[in-house]
Amino acid sequence: MRANTAITIFKFLIPGATIAGLIFTGFHSENFGTASTFTPYGWSAVLTAVATSGIVFSFNGFQSPVKLASEARHPSTSIPFAVIA
């Protein structure tokens, strides 16, 4: 239990310290311009990227149970349940 707590704290402190260090050493307020510079290609490009990444993420999520199918006792019933669940 103590090891898990220590690992969890470590996993939050190191990225947090990295983020804080990068902000303090390389923060440039001029990167935050007007709202029109946030999406130079429009919101359709943002939504296309979100949809595409969701498709890739779901495809990779379906692959995991299938790759581990050789370890299952009853793959004909376990794999459909794992993919759907």
N, C-alpha and C. Protein backbone atom coordinates (compact mmCIF):
# COMPACT_ATOMS: atom_id res chain seq x y z
N MET A 1 0.82 -1.19 0.00
CA MET A 1 0.00 0.00 0.00
C MET A 1 0.87 1.26 0.00
N ARG A 2 1.94 1.25 0.78
CA ARG A 2 2.82 2.41 0.82
C ARG A 2 3.59 2.58 -0.48
N ALA A 3 3.94 1.47 -1.10
CA ALA A 3 4.66 1.55 -2.39
C ALA A 3 3.75 2.15 -3.45
N ASN A 4 2.50 1.76 -3.47
CA ASN A 4 1.56 2.31 -4.44
C ASN A 4 1.38 3.81 -4.23
N THR A 5 1.30 4.24 -2.99
CA THR A 5 1.17 5.67 -2.69
C THR A 5 2.41 6.42 -3.15
N ALA A 6 3.58 5.87 -2.89
CA ALA A 6 4.83 6.52 -3.29
C ALA A 6 4.93 6.61 -4.81
N ILE A 7 4.55 5.57 -5.50
CA ILE A 7 4.61 5.58 -6.96
C ILE A 7 3.61 6.59 -7.52
N THR A 8 2.43 6.65 -6.93
CA THR A 8 1.42 7.61 -7.39
C THR A 8 1.90 9.04 -7.20
N ILE A 9 2.47 9.33 -6.05
CA ILE A 9 3.00 10.67 -5.81
C ILE A 9 4.12 10.99 -6.80
N PHE A 10 4.99 10.03 -7.04
CA PHE A 10 6.09 10.21 -7.99
C PHE A 10 5.55 10.50 -9.39
N LYS A 11 4.48 9.77 -9.78
CA LYS A 11 3.92 9.95 -11.11
C LYS A 11 3.22 11.28 -11.27
N PHE A 12 2.82 11.92 -10.19
CA PHE A 12 2.24 13.26 -10.27
C PHE A 12 3.29 14.35 -10.12
N LEU A 13 4.28 14.13 -9.29
CA LEU A 13 5.28 15.17 -9.04
C LEU A 13 6.20 15.41 -10.24
N ILE A 14 6.68 14.36 -10.88
CA ILE A 14 7.63 14.53 -11.97
C ILE A 14 6.99 15.26 -13.16
N PRO A 15 5.83 14.82 -13.67
CA PRO A 15 5.23 15.61 -14.75
C PRO A 15 4.84 17.03 -14.30
N GLY A 16 4.38 17.17 -13.06
CA GLY A 16 4.03 18.49 -12.56
C GLY A 16 5.24 19.41 -12.50
N ALA A 17 6.37 18.88 -12.03
CA ALA A 17 7.60 19.67 -11.99
C ALA A 17 8.08 20.01 -13.40
N THR A 18 7.92 19.09 -14.32
CA THR A 18 8.30 19.35 -15.71
C THR A 18 7.43 20.45 -16.31
N ILE A 19 6.13 20.37 -16.09
CA ILE A 19 5.22 21.40 -16.61
C ILE A 19 5.55 22.76 -16.00
N ALA A 20 5.74 22.80 -14.68
CA ALA A 20 6.07 24.06 -14.01
C ALA A 20 7.39 24.62 -14.52
N GLY A 21 8.38 23.77 -14.69
CA GLY A 21 9.68 24.24 -15.20
C GLY A 21 9.58 24.79 -16.61
N LEU A 22 8.82 24.12 -17.45
CA LEU A 22 8.66 24.62 -18.82
C LEU A 22 7.88 25.94 -18.85
N ILE A 23 6.88 26.07 -17.99
CA ILE A 23 6.13 27.32 -17.95
C ILE A 23 7.00 28.46 -17.46
N PHE A 24 7.78 28.22 -16.41
CA PHE A 24 8.59 29.29 -15.85
C PHE A 24 9.76 29.68 -16.76
N THR A 25 10.28 28.75 -17.54
CA THR A 25 11.44 29.07 -18.37
C THR A 25 11.08 29.46 -19.80
N GLY A 26 9.93 29.03 -20.29
CA GLY A 26 9.64 29.30 -21.69
C GLY A 26 8.24 29.79 -21.97
N PHE A 27 7.60 30.48 -21.03
CA PHE A 27 6.25 30.97 -21.26
C PHE A 27 6.31 32.28 -22.04
N HIS A 28 5.59 32.31 -23.15
CA HIS A 28 5.54 33.52 -23.98
C HIS A 28 4.08 33.92 -24.14
N SER A 29 3.72 35.03 -23.53
CA SER A 29 2.32 35.45 -23.57
C SER A 29 1.88 35.86 -24.96
N GLU A 30 2.81 36.18 -25.85
CA GLU A 30 2.42 36.56 -27.21
C GLU A 30 1.87 35.38 -28.01
N ASN A 31 2.05 34.16 -27.52
CA ASN A 31 1.46 32.99 -28.18
C ASN A 31 -0.06 32.96 -28.02
N PHE A 32 -0.57 33.70 -27.05
CA PHE A 32 -2.01 33.77 -26.82
C PHE A 32 -2.53 35.04 -27.46
N GLY A 33 -2.89 34.92 -28.72
CA GLY A 33 -3.37 36.09 -29.46
C GLY A 33 -4.87 36.19 -29.43
N THR A 34 -5.43 36.78 -30.46
CA THR A 34 -6.87 36.91 -30.55
C THR A 34 -7.50 35.55 -30.85
N ALA A 35 -8.80 35.48 -30.74
CA ALA A 35 -9.50 34.20 -30.93
C ALA A 35 -9.36 33.68 -32.35
N SER A 36 -9.14 34.56 -33.32
CA SER A 36 -9.06 34.10 -34.71
C SER A 36 -7.78 33.32 -35.00
N THR A 37 -6.74 33.51 -34.19
CA THR A 37 -5.50 32.77 -34.44
C THR A 37 -5.50 31.40 -33.81
N PHE A 38 -6.51 31.11 -33.01
CA PHE A 38 -6.55 29.80 -32.34
C PHE A 38 -6.82 28.68 -33.33
N THR A 39 -7.72 28.92 -34.25
CA THR A 39 -8.04 27.92 -35.27
C THR A 39 -7.86 28.52 -36.66
N PRO A 40 -6.63 28.53 -37.15
CA PRO A 40 -6.40 29.18 -38.44
C PRO A 40 -7.11 28.49 -39.60
N TYR A 41 -7.42 27.21 -39.49
CA TYR A 41 -8.11 26.49 -40.56
C TYR A 41 -9.58 26.27 -40.25
N GLY A 42 -10.09 26.90 -39.21
CA GLY A 42 -11.49 26.79 -38.86
C GLY A 42 -11.78 25.63 -37.93
N TRP A 43 -13.00 25.63 -37.40
CA TRP A 43 -13.41 24.59 -36.46
C TRP A 43 -13.64 23.26 -37.15
N SER A 44 -13.86 23.25 -38.44
CA SER A 44 -14.06 21.96 -39.13
C SER A 44 -12.79 21.13 -39.08
N ALA A 45 -11.62 21.75 -39.14
CA ALA A 45 -10.37 21.00 -39.03
C ALA A 45 -10.20 20.41 -37.64
N VAL A 46 -10.59 21.16 -36.62
CA VAL A 46 -10.49 20.66 -35.25
C VAL A 46 -11.41 19.46 -35.05
N LEU A 47 -12.64 19.58 -35.51
CA LEU A 47 -13.61 18.49 -35.35
C LEU A 47 -13.23 17.27 -36.18
N THR A 48 -12.63 17.47 -37.34
CA THR A 48 -12.15 16.34 -38.15
C THR A 48 -11.03 15.60 -37.42
N ALA A 49 -10.14 16.35 -36.80
CA ALA A 49 -9.04 15.71 -36.06
C ALA A 49 -9.57 14.93 -34.86
N VAL A 50 -10.56 15.48 -34.17
CA VAL A 50 -11.15 14.79 -33.02
C VAL A 50 -11.84 13.50 -33.46
N ALA A 51 -12.59 13.57 -34.54
CA ALA A 51 -13.29 12.38 -35.04
C ALA A 51 -12.30 11.32 -35.51
N THR A 52 -11.26 11.74 -36.21
CA THR A 52 -10.26 10.78 -36.70
C THR A 52 -9.52 10.11 -35.55
N SER A 53 -9.14 10.88 -34.55
CA SER A 53 -8.43 10.28 -33.41
C SER A 53 -9.35 9.35 -32.63
N GLY A 54 -10.65 9.65 -32.57
CA GLY A 54 -11.59 8.74 -31.92
C GLY A 54 -11.71 7.42 -32.64
N ILE A 55 -11.69 7.46 -33.96
CA ILE A 55 -11.75 6.22 -34.75
C ILE A 55 -10.50 5.39 -34.51
N VAL A 56 -9.34 6.03 -34.53
CA VAL A 56 -8.08 5.30 -34.30
C VAL A 56 -8.04 4.73 -32.89
N PHE A 57 -8.48 5.52 -31.91
CA PHE A 57 -8.49 5.06 -30.52
C PHE A 57 -9.42 3.86 -30.34
N SER A 58 -10.59 3.90 -30.94
CA SER A 58 -11.52 2.79 -30.79
C SER A 58 -11.00 1.55 -31.51
N PHE A 59 -10.35 1.72 -32.65
CA PHE A 59 -9.77 0.57 -33.35
C PHE A 59 -8.71 -0.10 -32.49
N ASN A 60 -7.85 0.69 -31.90
CA ASN A 60 -6.81 0.12 -31.03
C ASN A 60 -7.42 -0.52 -29.79
N GLY A 61 -8.52 0.01 -29.30
CA GLY A 61 -9.18 -0.57 -28.14
C GLY A 61 -9.79 -1.93 -28.45
N PHE A 62 -10.28 -2.11 -29.67
CA PHE A 62 -10.85 -3.40 -30.06
C PHE A 62 -9.76 -4.44 -30.32
N GLN A 63 -8.57 -4.00 -30.67
CA GLN A 63 -7.49 -4.94 -30.96
C GLN A 63 -6.95 -5.64 -29.72
N SER A 64 -6.95 -4.98 -28.59
CA SER A 64 -6.33 -5.53 -27.39
C SER A 64 -6.92 -6.88 -26.97
N PRO A 65 -8.25 -7.02 -26.86
CA PRO A 65 -8.77 -8.33 -26.47
C PRO A 65 -8.50 -9.41 -27.51
N VAL A 66 -8.48 -9.03 -28.76
CA VAL A 66 -8.24 -10.02 -29.81
C VAL A 66 -6.80 -10.51 -29.79
N LYS A 67 -5.86 -9.61 -29.50
CA LYS A 67 -4.45 -9.99 -29.43
C LYS A 67 -4.18 -10.95 -28.27
N LEU A 68 -4.93 -10.79 -27.19
CA LEU A 68 -4.74 -11.64 -26.02
C LEU A 68 -5.63 -12.88 -26.04
N ALA A 69 -6.22 -13.20 -27.17
CA ALA A 69 -7.18 -14.30 -27.26
C ALA A 69 -6.54 -15.66 -27.01
N SER A 70 -5.27 -15.80 -27.28
CA SER A 70 -4.63 -17.10 -27.07
C SER A 70 -4.55 -17.47 -25.59
N GLU A 71 -4.68 -16.50 -24.71
CA GLU A 71 -4.61 -16.77 -23.28
C GLU A 71 -5.96 -17.15 -22.66
N ALA A 72 -7.03 -17.01 -23.41
CA ALA A 72 -8.36 -17.26 -22.86
C ALA A 72 -8.69 -18.75 -22.84
N ARG A 73 -9.48 -19.15 -21.86
CA ARG A 73 -9.89 -20.56 -21.77
C ARG A 73 -10.96 -20.88 -22.80
N HIS A 74 -11.93 -19.99 -22.94
CA HIS A 74 -13.02 -20.17 -23.90
C HIS A 74 -13.09 -18.93 -24.80
N PRO A 75 -12.23 -18.87 -25.81
CA PRO A 75 -12.17 -17.65 -26.61
C PRO A 75 -13.45 -17.35 -27.39
N SER A 76 -14.23 -18.37 -27.71
CA SER A 76 -15.44 -18.11 -28.50
C SER A 76 -16.48 -17.30 -27.71
N THR A 77 -16.47 -17.40 -26.41
CA THR A 77 -17.40 -16.60 -25.61
C THR A 77 -16.71 -15.40 -24.95
N SER A 78 -15.44 -15.53 -24.65
CA SER A 78 -14.73 -14.46 -23.94
C SER A 78 -14.43 -13.26 -24.84
N ILE A 79 -14.04 -13.52 -26.07
CA ILE A 79 -13.62 -12.42 -26.95
C ILE A 79 -14.79 -11.49 -27.29
N PRO A 80 -15.94 -11.99 -27.70
CA PRO A 80 -17.05 -11.04 -27.97
C PRO A 80 -17.45 -10.25 -26.73
N PHE A 81 -17.43 -10.88 -25.58
CA PHE A 81 -17.76 -10.15 -24.35
C PHE A 81 -16.72 -9.07 -24.07
N ALA A 82 -15.43 -9.38 -24.24
CA ALA A 82 -14.37 -8.41 -23.98
C ALA A 82 -14.42 -7.25 -24.96
N VAL A 83 -14.71 -7.52 -26.20
CA VAL A 83 -14.76 -6.44 -27.20
C VAL A 83 -15.95 -5.54 -26.96
N ILE A 84 -17.09 -6.09 -26.66
CA ILE A 84 -18.30 -5.30 -26.46
C ILE A 84 -18.25 -4.56 -25.12
N ALA A 85 -17.77 -5.24 -24.09
CA ALA A 85 -17.70 -4.61 -22.76
C ALA A 85 -16.66 -3.53 -22.73
